[in-house]
Amino acid sequence: MSPWARRALRIERWSAALAGIGLGLVLSFIGNQMTAGTAPFIAGGAFLAWVVALLLRRLNPPVIDLITRTPLSLHSDTECDENARRAYIGFVPLYTPQPGTEASKLSPNERAEAVETLAFDRLDINLSNLAPTITAIRCHKKNLEHCWLLPTADRSGHGSQPYAYLLAEYLRQREGLTCTFHYGSEYVISLDQDALVFDKTYRRVRAVIGEAMKLGIAPRQMVADITTGVRSMTMGMVLACLDRDQDVEVVGTRYDDRGRPTGDLFPLIFRFEPDLKDRET
């Protein structure tokens, strides 16, 4: 839940408490002012109605609905340029080449050497699971100033951080991006305790949003990409973005009649926000 939604709920609890105290005062006020004319009586009656409404709302608490807007499908360079953001947040998966490619035939040592030497072609970067992230970031190239890449690590400390470096350098050298990349150890999400991955991701994404705001980048100028990452990471990022100004992105494609992906990759930007509604009686 976003900070403003939590504040709304907190304000409502305080309002209900104050309404309980104020109810007795209002009743006394109305009784004293009834002989002074109609204006004070009407004002007191209106205030009483507000107090009663708050009490009824407290007895029948609201539910949180979700307002969604039509997703933005960014298929062309023009559409990307028109919707390019100043900041990007996304996950870095463990590099996996497509089966049957030359990169899939590399031994673990050969792969590690290729990563260290930034042998992009040998690794077939655009034929790997890093391709969707490349597509997503490249789409914001026109306005992108800061790019946060969130790697993962397992119990032994091994993870996708080397591929964050590989990805950043590929985007610099092959795609011409000049933004600042953030992917140090402080951004690693540990997967050693699965039950805590959601909370770790939520806190990390909220912290990154805070960093961006300190750099003068408003939430509406950022996008958070959920394309890669385990399910609990995806959930953590989505809930960290539960704010009307914070958009979420996913890289999609088209599917054939059998549900198999086909065609080019393209980013989709989703806009949503929580909405407090009265519970139906």
C-alpha atoms as a PDB file:
ATOM      1  CA  MET A   1       0.000   0.000   0.000  1.00  0.00           C
ATOM      2  CA  SER A   2       1.290   3.429  -0.874  1.00  0.00           C
ATOM      3  CA  PRO A   3       2.215   5.994   1.807  1.00  0.00           C
ATOM      4  CA  TRP A   4      -0.718   8.232   0.914  1.00  0.00           C
ATOM      5  CA  ALA A   5      -3.175   5.337   1.277  1.00  0.00           C
ATOM      6  CA  ARG A   6      -1.745   4.469   4.687  1.00  0.00           C
ATOM      7  CA  ARG A   7      -2.025   8.113   5.688  1.00  0.00           C
ATOM      8  CA  ALA A   8      -5.644   8.163   4.563  1.00  0.00           C
ATOM      9  CA  LEU A   9      -6.453   5.158   6.726  1.00  0.00           C
ATOM     10  CA  ARG A  10      -4.550   6.660   9.655  1.00  0.00           C
ATOM     11  CA  ILE A  11      -6.400   9.952   9.285  1.00  0.00           C
ATOM     12  CA  GLU A  12      -9.673   8.096   9.190  1.00  0.00           C
ATOM     13  CA  ARG A  13      -8.914   6.339  12.486  1.00  0.00           C
ATOM     14  CA  TRP A  14      -8.035   9.647  14.141  1.00  0.00           C
ATOM     15  CA  SER A  15     -11.132  11.273  12.655  1.00  0.00           C
ATOM     16  CA  ALA A  16     -13.353   8.562  14.070  1.00  0.00           C
ATOM     17  CA  ALA A  17     -11.802   8.976  17.516  1.00  0.00           C
ATOM     18  CA  LEU A  18     -12.220  12.741  17.402  1.00  0.00           C
ATOM     19  CA  ALA A  19     -15.766  12.297  16.170  1.00  0.00           C
ATOM     20  CA  GLY A  20     -16.632  10.269  19.247  1.00  0.00           C
ATOM     21  CA  ILE A  21     -15.318  13.013  21.507  1.00  0.00           C
ATOM     22  CA  GLY A  22     -16.893  15.754  19.441  1.00  0.00           C
ATOM     23  CA  LEU A  23     -20.339  14.167  19.376  1.00  0.00           C
ATOM     24  CA  GLY A  24     -21.037  14.996  23.004  1.00  0.00           C
ATOM     25  CA  LEU A  25     -19.720  18.532  22.573  1.00  0.00           C
ATOM     26  CA  VAL A  26     -21.872  19.109  19.508  1.00  0.00           C
ATOM     27  CA  LEU A  27     -25.046  17.902  21.190  1.00  0.00           C
ATOM     28  CA  SER A  28     -24.372  20.263  24.075  1.00  0.00           C
ATOM     29  CA  PHE A  29     -23.606  23.104  21.649  1.00  0.00           C
ATOM     30  CA  ILE A  30     -26.847  22.592  19.731  1.00  0.00           C
ATOM     31  CA  GLY A  31     -28.889  22.568  22.906  1.00  0.00           C
ATOM     32  CA  ASN A  32     -27.343  25.835  24.068  1.00  0.00           C
ATOM     33  CA  GLN A  33     -27.669  27.558  20.696  1.00  0.00           C
ATOM     34  CA  MET A  34     -31.216  26.609  19.716  1.00  0.00           C
ATOM     35  CA  THR A  35     -32.503  29.717  21.511  1.00  0.00           C
ATOM     36  CA  ALA A  36     -30.014  32.016  19.747  1.00  0.00           C
ATOM     37  CA  GLY A  37     -31.573  31.703  16.271  1.00  0.00           C
ATOM     38  CA  THR A  38     -31.563  29.284  13.324  1.00  0.00           C
ATOM     39  CA  ALA A  39     -28.060  29.919  11.918  1.00  0.00           C
ATOM     40  CA  PRO A  40     -26.119  28.387  14.827  1.00  0.00           C
ATOM     41  CA  PHE A  41     -28.603  25.536  14.895  1.00  0.00           C
ATOM     42  CA  ILE A  42     -28.130  24.776  11.184  1.00  0.00           C
ATOM     43  CA  ALA A  43     -24.340  24.955  11.518  1.00  0.00           C
ATOM     44  CA  GLY A  44     -24.398  22.673  14.519  1.00  0.00           C
ATOM     45  CA  GLY A  45     -26.713  20.261  12.723  1.00  0.00           C
ATOM     46  CA  ALA A  46     -24.399  20.080   9.718  1.00  0.00           C
ATOM     47  CA  PHE A  47     -21.437  19.375  11.966  1.00  0.00           C
ATOM     48  CA  LEU A  48     -23.437  16.691  13.766  1.00  0.00           C
ATOM     49  CA  ALA A  49     -24.244  15.044  10.426  1.00  0.00           C
ATOM     50  CA  TRP A  50     -20.511  14.947   9.611  1.00  0.00           C
ATOM     51  CA  VAL A  51     -19.740  13.373  12.993  1.00  0.00           C
ATOM     52  CA  VAL A  52     -22.430  10.720  12.542  1.00  0.00           C
ATOM     53  CA  ALA A  53     -21.153   9.954   9.021  1.00  0.00           C
ATOM     54  CA  LEU A  54     -17.653   9.406  10.380  1.00  0.00           C
ATOM     55  CA  LEU A  55     -18.946   7.089  13.079  1.00  0.00           C
ATOM     56  CA  LEU A  56     -20.953   5.080  10.558  1.00  0.00           C
ATOM     57  CA  ARG A  57     -17.881   4.904   8.304  1.00  0.00           C
ATOM     58  CA  ARG A  58     -15.881   3.590  11.222  1.00  0.00           C
ATOM     59  CA  LEU A  59     -18.486   0.890  11.858  1.00  0.00           C
ATOM     60  CA  ASN A  60     -18.519   0.054   8.141  1.00  0.00           C
ATOM     61  CA  PRO A  61     -14.836   0.499   7.097  1.00  0.00           C
ATOM     62  CA  PRO A  62     -13.961   1.105   3.440  1.00  0.00           C
ATOM     63  CA  VAL A  63     -12.437  -1.370   1.046  1.00  0.00           C
ATOM     64  CA  ILE A  64      -9.521  -0.620  -1.238  1.00  0.00           C
ATOM     65  CA  ASP A  65     -10.398  -0.786  -4.922  1.00  0.00           C
ATOM     66  CA  LEU A  66      -7.991  -0.413  -7.813  1.00  0.00           C
ATOM     67  CA  ILE A  67      -8.246   2.200 -10.549  1.00  0.00           C
ATOM     68  CA  THR A  68      -6.522   1.078 -13.746  1.00  0.00           C
ATOM     69  CA  ARG A  69      -5.917   2.993 -16.942  1.00  0.00           C
ATOM     70  CA  THR A  70      -5.440   1.696 -20.456  1.00  0.00           C
ATOM     71  CA  PRO A  71      -1.898   0.260 -20.751  1.00  0.00           C
ATOM     72  CA  LEU A  72       0.550   1.986 -23.050  1.00  0.00           C
ATOM     73  CA  SER A  73       1.892  -0.349 -25.758  1.00  0.00           C
ATOM     74  CA  LEU A  74       5.228   0.933 -27.040  1.00  0.00           C
ATOM     75  CA  HIS A  75       5.818  -0.702 -30.419  1.00  0.00           C
ATOM     76  CA  SER A  76       7.704   1.989 -32.324  1.00  0.00           C
ATOM     77  CA  ASP A  77      10.657   4.260 -31.636  1.00  0.00           C
ATOM     78  CA  THR A  78       8.284   7.224 -31.742  1.00  0.00           C
ATOM     79  CA  GLU A  79       6.043   5.698 -29.070  1.00  0.00           C
ATOM     80  CA  CYS A  80       9.080   4.950 -26.929  1.00  0.00           C
ATOM     81  CA  ASP A  81      10.406   8.495 -27.290  1.00  0.00           C
ATOM     82  CA  GLU A  82       7.022   9.995 -26.383  1.00  0.00           C
ATOM     83  CA  ASN A  83       6.819   7.922 -23.199  1.00  0.00           C
ATOM     84  CA  ALA A  84      10.505   7.687 -22.237  1.00  0.00           C
ATOM     85  CA  ARG A  85      11.185   8.110 -18.519  1.00  0.00           C
ATOM     86  CA  ARG A  86      14.092   9.673 -16.673  1.00  0.00           C
ATOM     87  CA  ALA A  87      14.648   6.638 -14.437  1.00  0.00           C
ATOM     88  CA  TYR A  88      14.256   2.871 -14.718  1.00  0.00           C
ATOM     89  CA  ILE A  89      14.206   0.133 -12.072  1.00  0.00           C
ATOM     90  CA  GLY A  90      14.446  -3.521 -13.078  1.00  0.00           C
ATOM     91  CA  PHE A  91      15.691  -6.957 -12.061  1.00  0.00           C
ATOM     92  CA  VAL A  92      18.747  -8.728 -13.451  1.00  0.00           C
ATOM     93  CA  PRO A  93      18.197 -12.472 -13.916  1.00  0.00           C
ATOM     94  CA  LEU A  94      20.875 -15.122 -14.095  1.00  0.00           C
ATOM     95  CA  TYR A  95      22.001 -15.156 -17.703  1.00  0.00           C
ATOM     96  CA  THR A  96      20.531 -18.041 -19.694  1.00  0.00           C
ATOM     97  CA  PRO A  97      21.146 -18.355 -23.461  1.00  0.00           C
ATOM     98  CA  GLN A  98      18.512 -19.770 -25.775  1.00  0.00           C
ATOM     99  CA  PRO A  99      18.880 -23.503 -26.401  1.00  0.00           C
ATOM    100  CA  GLY A 100      20.648 -24.317 -29.651  1.00  0.00           C
ATOM    101  CA  THR A 101      22.698 -21.105 -29.788  1.00  0.00           C
ATOM    102  CA  GLU A 102      26.486 -21.109 -29.775  1.00  0.00           C
ATOM    103  CA  ALA A 103      26.402 -19.506 -26.325  1.00  0.00           C
ATOM    104  CA  SER A 104      24.426 -22.451 -24.959  1.00  0.00           C
ATOM    105  CA  LYS A 105      27.374 -24.711 -25.821  1.00  0.00           C
ATOM    106  CA  LEU A 106      29.864 -22.780 -23.678  1.00  0.00           C
ATOM    107  CA  SER A 107      31.201 -24.447 -20.553  1.00  0.00           C
ATOM    108  CA  PRO A 108      30.739 -22.665 -17.192  1.00  0.00           C
ATOM    109  CA  ASN A 109      34.370 -21.515 -17.291  1.00  0.00           C
ATOM    110  CA  GLU A 110      34.060 -20.284 -20.876  1.00  0.00           C
ATOM    111  CA  ARG A 111      30.894 -18.436 -19.999  1.00  0.00           C
ATOM    112  CA  ALA A 112      32.511 -16.789 -16.971  1.00  0.00           C
ATOM    113  CA  GLU A 113      35.468 -15.719 -19.117  1.00  0.00           C
ATOM    114  CA  ALA A 114      33.120 -14.294 -21.768  1.00  0.00           C
ATOM    115  CA  VAL A 115      31.281 -12.280 -19.113  1.00  0.00           C
ATOM    116  CA  GLU A 116      34.514 -10.945 -17.636  1.00  0.00           C
ATOM    117  CA  THR A 117      35.860  -9.889 -21.039  1.00  0.00           C
ATOM    118  CA  LEU A 118      32.492  -8.512 -22.176  1.00  0.00           C
ATOM    119  CA  ALA A 119      32.347 -10.848 -25.160  1.00  0.00           C
ATOM    120  CA  PHE A 120      28.806  -9.803 -26.109  1.00  0.00           C
ATOM    121  CA  ASP A 121      28.675 -11.647 -29.434  1.00  0.00           C
ATOM    122  CA  ARG A 122      30.055 -14.858 -27.988  1.00  0.00           C
ATOM    123  CA  LEU A 123      27.315 -14.756 -25.339  1.00  0.00           C
ATOM    124  CA  ASP A 124      24.546 -14.014 -27.867  1.00  0.00           C
ATOM    125  CA  ILE A 125      23.142 -11.394 -25.502  1.00  0.00           C
ATOM    126  CA  ASN A 126      20.115 -10.663 -27.697  1.00  0.00           C
ATOM    127  CA  LEU A 127      19.310 -14.380 -27.792  1.00  0.00           C
ATOM    128  CA  SER A 128      19.221 -14.763 -24.021  1.00  0.00           C
ATOM    129  CA  ASN A 129      16.894 -13.984 -21.134  1.00  0.00           C
ATOM    130  CA  LEU A 130      18.580 -10.562 -20.884  1.00  0.00           C
ATOM    131  CA  ALA A 131      16.922  -9.494 -24.150  1.00  0.00           C
ATOM    132  CA  PRO A 132      13.620  -8.322 -22.581  1.00  0.00           C
ATOM    133  CA  THR A 133      15.499  -6.095 -20.117  1.00  0.00           C
ATOM    134  CA  ILE A 134      17.570  -4.632 -22.957  1.00  0.00           C
ATOM    135  CA  THR A 135      14.377  -3.901 -24.903  1.00  0.00           C
ATOM    136  CA  ALA A 136      12.787  -2.244 -21.872  1.00  0.00           C
ATOM    137  CA  ILE A 137      15.732   0.010 -21.048  1.00  0.00           C
ATOM    138  CA  ARG A 138      16.478   0.907 -24.670  1.00  0.00           C
ATOM    139  CA  CYS A 139      12.910   2.176 -25.066  1.00  0.00           C
ATOM    140  CA  HIS A 140      13.626   4.951 -22.528  1.00  0.00           C
ATOM    141  CA  LYS A 141      16.958   5.928 -24.059  1.00  0.00           C
ATOM    142  CA  LYS A 142      15.848   9.420 -25.122  1.00  0.00           C
ATOM    143  CA  ASN A 143      15.214  10.673 -21.566  1.00  0.00           C
ATOM    144  CA  LEU A 144      16.921   8.084 -19.364  1.00  0.00           C
ATOM    145  CA  GLU A 145      19.258   9.579 -16.764  1.00  0.00           C
ATOM    146  CA  HIS A 146      19.453   6.855 -14.097  1.00  0.00           C
ATOM    147  CA  CYS A 147      19.041   3.100 -14.380  1.00  0.00           C
ATOM    148  CA  TRP A 148      18.813   0.880 -11.290  1.00  0.00           C
ATOM    149  CA  LEU A 149      19.578  -2.797 -11.918  1.00  0.00           C
ATOM    150  CA  LEU A 150      18.650  -5.108  -9.029  1.00  0.00           C
ATOM    151  CA  PRO A 151      20.677  -8.356  -9.107  1.00  0.00           C
ATOM    152  CA  THR A 152      19.998 -11.462  -7.019  1.00  0.00           C
ATOM    153  CA  ALA A 153      22.199 -13.711  -4.891  1.00  0.00           C
ATOM    154  CA  ASP A 154      21.783 -17.246  -3.531  1.00  0.00           C
ATOM    155  CA  ARG A 155      22.810 -18.687  -0.149  1.00  0.00           C
ATOM    156  CA  SER A 156      26.440 -18.961  -1.185  1.00  0.00           C
ATOM    157  CA  GLY A 157      26.545 -15.370  -2.414  1.00  0.00           C
ATOM    158  CA  HIS A 158      26.650 -16.274  -6.106  1.00  0.00           C
ATOM    159  CA  GLY A 159      24.152 -14.495  -8.265  1.00  0.00           C
ATOM    160  CA  SER A 160      23.454 -12.196 -11.165  1.00  0.00           C
ATOM    161  CA  GLN A 161      25.589  -9.201 -10.188  1.00  0.00           C
ATOM    162  CA  PRO A 162      28.273  -9.987 -12.838  1.00  0.00           C
ATOM    163  CA  TYR A 163      25.485  -9.915 -15.425  1.00  0.00           C
ATOM    164  CA  ALA A 164      24.351  -6.500 -14.169  1.00  0.00           C
ATOM    165  CA  TYR A 165      27.799  -5.206 -15.121  1.00  0.00           C
ATOM    166  CA  LEU A 166      27.616  -7.059 -18.441  1.00  0.00           C
ATOM    167  CA  LEU A 167      24.173  -5.594 -19.142  1.00  0.00           C
ATOM    168  CA  ALA A 168      25.197  -2.045 -18.259  1.00  0.00           C
ATOM    169  CA  GLU A 169      28.282  -2.208 -20.473  1.00  0.00           C
ATOM    170  CA  TYR A 170      26.323  -3.678 -23.357  1.00  0.00           C
ATOM    171  CA  LEU A 171      23.830  -0.825 -23.141  1.00  0.00           C
ATOM    172  CA  ARG A 172      26.676   1.700 -23.020  1.00  0.00           C
ATOM    173  CA  GLN A 173      28.832   0.222 -25.787  1.00  0.00           C
ATOM    174  CA  ARG A 174      26.263  -1.259 -28.159  1.00  0.00           C
ATOM    175  CA  GLU A 175      23.144   0.836 -27.546  1.00  0.00           C
ATOM    176  CA  GLY A 176      24.832   4.175 -26.833  1.00  0.00           C
ATOM    177  CA  LEU A 177      23.176   4.871 -23.488  1.00  0.00           C
ATOM    178  CA  THR A 178      24.831   7.589 -21.427  1.00  0.00           C
ATOM    179  CA  CYS A 179      22.763   7.291 -18.243  1.00  0.00           C
ATOM    180  CA  THR A 180      24.158   6.464 -14.799  1.00  0.00           C
ATOM    181  CA  PHE A 181      23.834   2.782 -13.890  1.00  0.00           C
ATOM    182  CA  HIS A 182      23.345   1.671 -10.280  1.00  0.00           C
ATOM    183  CA  TYR A 183      23.981  -2.026  -9.600  1.00  0.00           C
ATOM    184  CA  GLY A 184      26.356  -2.283  -6.632  1.00  0.00           C
ATOM    185  CA  SER A 185      26.168  -4.786  -3.788  1.00  0.00           C
ATOM    186  CA  GLU A 186      23.729  -2.535  -1.911  1.00  0.00           C
ATOM    187  CA  TYR A 187      21.114  -3.304  -4.583  1.00  0.00           C
ATOM    188  CA  VAL A 188      21.411  -7.094  -4.438  1.00  0.00           C
ATOM    189  CA  ILE A 189      18.257  -8.965  -3.404  1.00  0.00           C
ATOM    190  CA  SER A 190      19.127 -12.105  -1.463  1.00  0.00           C
ATOM    191  CA  LEU A 191      17.130 -15.217  -2.322  1.00  0.00           C
ATOM    192  CA  ASP A 192      18.410 -17.274   0.604  1.00  0.00           C
ATOM    193  CA  GLN A 193      15.089 -17.126   2.477  1.00  0.00           C
ATOM    194  CA  ASP A 194      12.196 -17.315   0.053  1.00  0.00           C
ATOM    195  CA  ALA A 195       9.613 -16.159   2.595  1.00  0.00           C
ATOM    196  CA  LEU A 196      11.493 -12.855   2.972  1.00  0.00           C
ATOM    197  CA  VAL A 197      12.134 -12.151  -0.722  1.00  0.00           C
ATOM    198  CA  PHE A 198       8.866 -10.249  -1.089  1.00  0.00           C
ATOM    199  CA  ASP A 199       9.650  -7.935   1.828  1.00  0.00           C
ATOM    200  CA  LYS A 200      13.269  -7.442   0.728  1.00  0.00           C
ATOM    201  CA  THR A 201      12.161  -6.504  -2.775  1.00  0.00           C
ATOM    202  CA  TYR A 202       9.475  -4.143  -1.511  1.00  0.00           C
ATOM    203  CA  ARG A 203      11.920  -2.318   0.746  1.00  0.00           C
ATOM    204  CA  ARG A 204      14.635  -2.174  -1.897  1.00  0.00           C
ATOM    205  CA  VAL A 205      12.320  -0.726  -4.556  1.00  0.00           C
ATOM    206  CA  ARG A 206      10.914   1.834  -2.112  1.00  0.00           C
ATOM    207  CA  ALA A 207      14.484   2.822  -1.210  1.00  0.00           C
ATOM    208  CA  VAL A 208      15.383   3.255  -4.888  1.00  0.00           C
ATOM    209  CA  ILE A 209      12.311   5.429  -5.444  1.00  0.00           C
ATOM    210  CA  GLY A 210      13.512   7.512  -2.505  1.00  0.00           C
ATOM    211  CA  GLU A 211      16.980   7.809  -4.053  1.00  0.00           C
ATOM    212  CA  ALA A 212      15.477   8.952  -7.328  1.00  0.00           C
ATOM    213  CA  MET A 213      13.375  11.588  -5.607  1.00  0.00           C
ATOM    214  CA  LYS A 214      16.489  12.947  -3.892  1.00  0.00           C
ATOM    215  CA  LEU A 215      17.992  13.284  -7.378  1.00  0.00           C
ATOM    216  CA  GLY A 216      14.998  15.375  -8.398  1.00  0.00           C
ATOM    217  CA  ILE A 217      13.194  12.600 -10.266  1.00  0.00           C
ATOM    218  CA  ALA A 218       9.500  12.406  -9.384  1.00  0.00           C
ATOM    219  CA  PRO A 219       7.760   8.987  -9.307  1.00  0.00           C
ATOM    220  CA  ARG A 220       5.783   9.851 -12.452  1.00  0.00           C
ATOM    221  CA  GLN A 221       9.133  10.218 -14.257  1.00  0.00           C
ATOM    222  CA  MET A 222      10.176   6.667 -13.341  1.00  0.00           C
ATOM    223  CA  VAL A 223       9.109   3.220 -14.427  1.00  0.00           C
ATOM    224  CA  ALA A 224       9.564  -0.095 -12.588  1.00  0.00           C
ATOM    225  CA  ASP A 225       9.961  -3.177 -14.781  1.00  0.00           C
ATOM    226  CA  ILE A 226       8.665  -6.537 -13.501  1.00  0.00           C
ATOM    227  CA  THR A 227       9.527  -8.627 -16.564  1.00  0.00           C
ATOM    228  CA  THR A 228      12.188 -10.765 -14.891  1.00  0.00           C
ATOM    229  CA  GLY A 229      12.563 -11.983 -11.330  1.00  0.00           C
ATOM    230  CA  VAL A 230      10.926 -14.698  -9.264  1.00  0.00           C
ATOM    231  CA  ARG A 231       7.237 -14.360  -8.419  1.00  0.00           C
ATOM    232  CA  SER A 232       7.741 -12.995  -4.917  1.00  0.00           C
ATOM    233  CA  MET A 233      10.085 -10.324  -6.323  1.00  0.00           C
ATOM    234  CA  THR A 234       7.479  -9.347  -8.887  1.00  0.00           C
ATOM    235  CA  MET A 235       4.829  -9.031  -6.184  1.00  0.00           C
ATOM    236  CA  GLY A 236       7.158  -6.965  -4.003  1.00  0.00           C
ATOM    237  CA  MET A 237       7.866  -4.525  -6.821  1.00  0.00           C
ATOM    238  CA  VAL A 238       4.201  -4.177  -7.813  1.00  0.00           C
ATOM    239  CA  LEU A 239       3.106  -3.354  -4.272  1.00  0.00           C
ATOM    240  CA  ALA A 240       6.028  -0.951  -3.861  1.00  0.00           C
ATOM    241  CA  CYS A 241       4.585   0.919  -6.845  1.00  0.00           C
ATOM    242  CA  LEU A 242       1.017   1.085  -5.546  1.00  0.00           C
ATOM    243  CA  ASP A 243       0.831   4.802  -6.110  1.00  0.00           C
ATOM    244  CA  ARG A 244      -1.007   6.813  -8.741  1.00  0.00           C
ATOM    245  CA  ASP A 245       2.250   8.424  -9.905  1.00  0.00           C
ATOM    246  CA  GLN A 246       4.382   5.265 -10.061  1.00  0.00           C
ATOM    247  CA  ASP A 247       3.977   3.203 -13.233  1.00  0.00           C
ATOM    248  CA  VAL A 248       4.862  -0.457 -13.781  1.00  0.00           C
ATOM    249  CA  GLU A 249       6.271  -1.886 -16.985  1.00  0.00           C
ATOM    250  CA  VAL A 250       6.422  -5.370 -18.455  1.00  0.00           C
ATOM    251  CA  VAL A 251       7.922  -6.479 -21.751  1.00  0.00           C
ATOM    252  CA  GLY A 252       5.382  -8.428 -23.757  1.00  0.00           C
ATOM    253  CA  THR A 253       5.014 -10.058 -27.136  1.00  0.00           C
ATOM    254  CA  ARG A 254       2.323 -11.620 -29.283  1.00  0.00           C
ATOM    255  CA  TYR A 255       1.217 -15.236 -28.976  1.00  0.00           C
ATOM    256  CA  ASP A 256       0.068 -17.818 -31.492  1.00  0.00           C
ATOM    257  CA  ASP A 257      -3.029 -20.027 -31.236  1.00  0.00           C
ATOM    258  CA  ARG A 258      -1.166 -22.414 -28.950  1.00  0.00           C
ATOM    259  CA  GLY A 259      -0.116 -19.690 -26.542  1.00  0.00           C
ATOM    260  CA  ARG A 260       3.507 -19.678 -27.682  1.00  0.00           C
ATOM    261  CA  PRO A 261       5.328 -16.307 -27.879  1.00  0.00           C
ATOM    262  CA  THR A 262       5.914 -15.049 -31.377  1.00  0.00           C
ATOM    263  CA  GLY A 263       7.035 -11.752 -32.878  1.00  0.00           C
ATOM    264  CA  ASP A 264       9.030  -8.856 -31.510  1.00  0.00           C
ATOM    265  CA  LEU A 265       9.250  -7.802 -27.869  1.00  0.00           C
ATOM    266  CA  PHE A 266       7.654  -4.507 -26.812  1.00  0.00           C
ATOM    267  CA  PRO A 267       7.205  -2.700 -23.477  1.00  0.00           C
ATOM    268  CA  LEU A 268       3.792  -2.248 -21.873  1.00  0.00           C
ATOM    269  CA  ILE A 269       3.346   0.438 -19.229  1.00  0.00           C
ATOM    270  CA  PHE A 270       0.558  -0.031 -16.678  1.00  0.00           C
ATOM    271  CA  ARG A 271      -0.933   2.773 -14.610  1.00  0.00           C
ATOM    272  CA  PHE A 272      -2.961   2.045 -11.496  1.00  0.00           C
ATOM    273  CA  GLU A 273      -3.735   3.471  -8.083  1.00  0.00           C
ATOM    274  CA  PRO A 274      -5.658   2.424  -4.948  1.00  0.00           C
ATOM    275  CA  ASP A 275      -9.094   3.909  -4.322  1.00  0.00           C
ATOM    276  CA  LEU A 276     -10.833   3.863  -0.934  1.00  0.00           C
ATOM    277  CA  LYS A 277     -14.506   2.957  -1.311  1.00  0.00           C
ATOM    278  CA  ASP A 278     -17.314   2.439   1.176  1.00  0.00           C
ATOM    279  CA  ARG A 279     -18.046  -1.205   1.817  1.00  0.00           C
ATOM    280  CA  GLU A 280     -21.366  -2.262   0.310  1.00  0.00           C
ATOM    281  CA  THR A 281     -24.017  -3.094   2.901  1.00  0.00           C
END
